[in-house]
Protein backbone atom coordinates (compact mmCIF):
# COMPACT_ATOMS: atom_id res chain seq x y z
CA MET A 1 31.93 -10.51 20.99
CA ASN A 2 34.23 -13.42 21.28
CA VAL A 3 32.93 -15.90 18.75
CA ALA A 4 35.68 -18.75 20.15
CA PHE A 5 34.33 -17.94 23.48
CA VAL A 6 30.69 -18.25 22.70
CA HIS A 7 31.13 -21.49 20.63
CA ARG A 8 32.86 -23.19 23.17
CA ARG A 9 30.49 -22.10 26.42
CA LEU A 10 27.14 -22.37 24.28
CA GLY A 11 27.86 -24.86 21.48
CA PRO A 12 28.31 -24.84 17.60
CA VAL A 13 24.55 -24.80 17.00
CA LEU A 14 23.94 -22.07 19.82
CA THR A 15 26.81 -20.14 18.19
CA THR A 16 25.11 -20.53 14.38
CA LEU A 17 22.05 -19.01 15.58
CA ILE A 18 23.13 -16.08 17.71
CA LEU A 19 25.48 -14.87 14.79
CA ALA A 20 22.74 -15.72 12.12
CA ALA A 21 20.45 -13.18 14.58
CA ILE A 22 23.32 -10.84 14.82
CA SER A 23 24.13 -10.32 11.37
CA SER A 24 20.54 -10.84 9.86
CA GLY A 25 19.60 -7.62 12.22
CA CYS A 26 16.72 -8.89 13.77
CA ALA A 27 14.26 -7.43 11.61
CA LYS A 28 11.36 -5.20 13.87
CA PRO A 29 8.20 -5.82 13.24
CA VAL A 30 6.31 -3.15 11.13
CA LYS A 31 3.14 -1.15 13.02
CA LEU A 32 -0.08 -0.71 11.33
CA VAL A 33 -2.34 2.19 11.65
CA PRO A 34 -6.63 2.09 10.98
CA VAL A 35 -6.37 3.89 7.49
CA GLU A 36 -10.09 5.05 6.39
CA GLY A 37 -11.07 7.32 3.47
CA VAL A 38 -13.11 8.29 0.53
CA ILE A 39 -12.46 8.37 -2.91
CA GLU A 40 -13.88 10.74 -4.94
CA ILE A 41 -13.90 11.46 -9.02
CA GLY A 42 -14.82 14.61 -10.70
CA GLY A 43 -16.36 15.85 -6.88
CA LYS A 44 -18.57 12.74 -6.49
CA PRO A 45 -17.75 9.18 -4.29
CA ALA A 46 -16.56 6.46 -6.73
CA GLU A 47 -17.56 2.61 -6.49
CA GLY A 48 -15.94 0.22 -7.25
CA ILE A 49 -12.32 1.84 -7.18
CA VAL A 50 -9.22 -0.36 -6.32
CA VAL A 51 -6.91 1.79 -4.13
CA GLN A 52 -3.66 0.67 -3.19
CA PHE A 53 -1.01 2.41 -1.05
CA LEU A 54 2.66 2.01 -1.88
CA PRO A 55 4.79 3.23 1.06
CA GLN A 56 7.60 5.48 0.05
CA ALA A 57 10.74 3.26 1.90
CA SER A 58 14.41 3.88 2.27
CA GLU A 59 16.72 1.93 0.30
CA GLY A 60 16.79 -1.57 1.69
CA GLU A 61 13.58 -1.06 4.03
CA LYS A 62 11.01 -3.32 3.45
CA ARG A 63 7.50 -2.05 4.34
CA PRO A 64 4.26 -3.42 3.46
CA THR A 65 1.65 -2.35 0.71
CA SER A 66 -1.95 -1.76 1.57
CA PHE A 67 -5.11 -1.78 -0.72
CA ALA A 68 -9.13 -1.53 -0.46
CA THR A 69 -11.90 -1.45 -2.66
CA THR A 70 -14.26 1.70 -2.31
CA GLY A 71 -17.97 0.82 -1.55
CA ALA A 72 -21.39 2.42 -3.15
CA ASP A 73 -20.35 5.54 -0.86
CA GLY A 74 -16.63 5.75 -2.38
CA THR A 75 -15.33 4.64 1.21
CA PHE A 76 -12.27 2.40 1.69
CA GLN A 77 -10.69 0.71 4.62
CA LEU A 78 -7.19 -0.17 3.88
CA SER A 79 -5.72 -3.96 4.72
CA THR A 80 -2.48 -5.58 3.82
CA TYR A 81 -2.27 -8.26 1.17
CA ASP A 82 -1.65 -10.98 4.39
CA GLY A 83 -4.49 -9.40 5.73
CA LYS A 84 -4.16 -7.59 8.71
CA PRO A 85 -5.79 -3.92 8.98
CA GLY A 86 -4.01 -0.59 8.22
CA ALA A 87 -1.30 0.87 6.52
CA VAL A 88 2.49 1.71 7.92
CA GLU A 89 2.89 5.06 9.07
CA GLY A 90 4.56 7.91 6.44
CA THR A 91 3.90 9.19 2.89
CA HIS A 92 2.71 6.49 0.32
CA ASN A 93 1.81 6.97 -3.08
CA ILE A 94 -1.66 5.85 -4.25
CA LEU A 95 -2.40 3.54 -7.14
CA LEU A 96 -5.97 3.85 -8.32
CA ALA A 97 -7.73 1.22 -10.44
CA ASP A 98 -11.46 1.04 -11.90
CA THR A 99 -13.50 -2.21 -11.66
CA LEU A 100 -16.43 -0.93 -13.55
CA GLU A 101 -14.45 0.30 -16.33
CA GLU A 102 -15.53 -0.93 -19.67
CA ARG A 103 -12.61 -3.76 -21.05
CA PRO A 104 -14.27 -4.30 -24.68
CA ALA A 105 -12.58 -7.06 -26.96
CA GLN A 106 -9.43 -5.76 -28.59
CA GLY A 107 -10.47 -3.61 -31.85
CA SER A 108 -13.57 -2.70 -30.49
CA ARG A 109 -14.64 0.78 -29.16
CA ALA A 110 -16.26 1.13 -25.35
CA SER A 111 -19.72 2.37 -25.55
CA LYS A 112 -18.82 4.48 -22.47
CA PRO A 113 -15.47 6.85 -21.61
CA PRO A 114 -13.74 5.56 -18.21
CA ARG A 115 -13.74 7.21 -15.38
CA LEU A 116 -10.24 7.75 -14.44
CA ASP A 117 -6.90 9.06 -16.47
CA SER A 118 -4.40 5.99 -16.67
CA ARG A 119 -1.90 7.96 -14.91
CA PHE A 120 -3.58 6.82 -11.64
CA GLY A 121 -2.23 3.25 -11.94
CA THR A 122 1.08 4.08 -12.00
CA ILE A 123 3.62 5.28 -9.21
CA THR A 124 4.17 8.38 -11.08
CA GLY A 125 0.46 9.30 -11.22
CA GLY A 126 1.09 12.31 -8.76
CA LEU A 127 -1.14 10.69 -6.34
CA THR A 128 0.00 10.95 -2.45
CA ALA A 129 -1.21 10.73 0.97
CA THR A 130 0.29 10.95 4.71
CA VAL A 131 -0.93 7.73 6.78
CA SER A 132 -0.28 8.77 10.81
CA GLU A 133 -1.65 7.55 14.22
CA GLY A 134 -4.95 8.62 14.63
CA GLY A 135 -4.91 10.42 11.44
CA GLU A 136 -8.10 11.64 9.25
CA PRO A 137 -9.79 10.15 7.28
CA ILE A 138 -8.21 10.58 3.71
CA LYS A 139 -9.66 12.13 1.43
CA VAL A 140 -8.18 11.63 -2.74
CA GLN A 141 -9.95 13.57 -5.22
CA VAL A 142 -9.10 13.34 -8.85
CA PRO A 143 -10.29 14.93 -12.02
CA GLY A 144 -12.95 13.16 -14.42
CA ILE A 145 -11.57 12.59 -17.59
CA ALA A 146 -12.66 15.53 -19.96
CA LEU A 147 -14.36 14.64 -23.04
């Protein structure tokens, strides 16, 4: 593209806008697909679990995270942090956090044990799922903590 020709014909403001669009790569919108599923701990549906899907992306690629909190039957429906329903297609790391976990004051003991191992709250916790268009509900099964 001859920048001088564009500048003479379209003017400096329009030339700047065109060059900005070309250099930015004109980021395309991300397609979201509906995602529902269930979280089970020790084989039983788990209420009050925050589930977060973090897309595994290539270097420099930006893809939104999706999340939900499970209902009484352990089910969830994902949406992005800006309120759009679903998640992007592809493989995701899954993070879990228990909203019903007892959090005693510092130095005090909890009266009941946690339901989740703390590793499931990290990206290296080993939980993954693949989101695909028209896919089946996602079942996330985690072992309960052995006491």
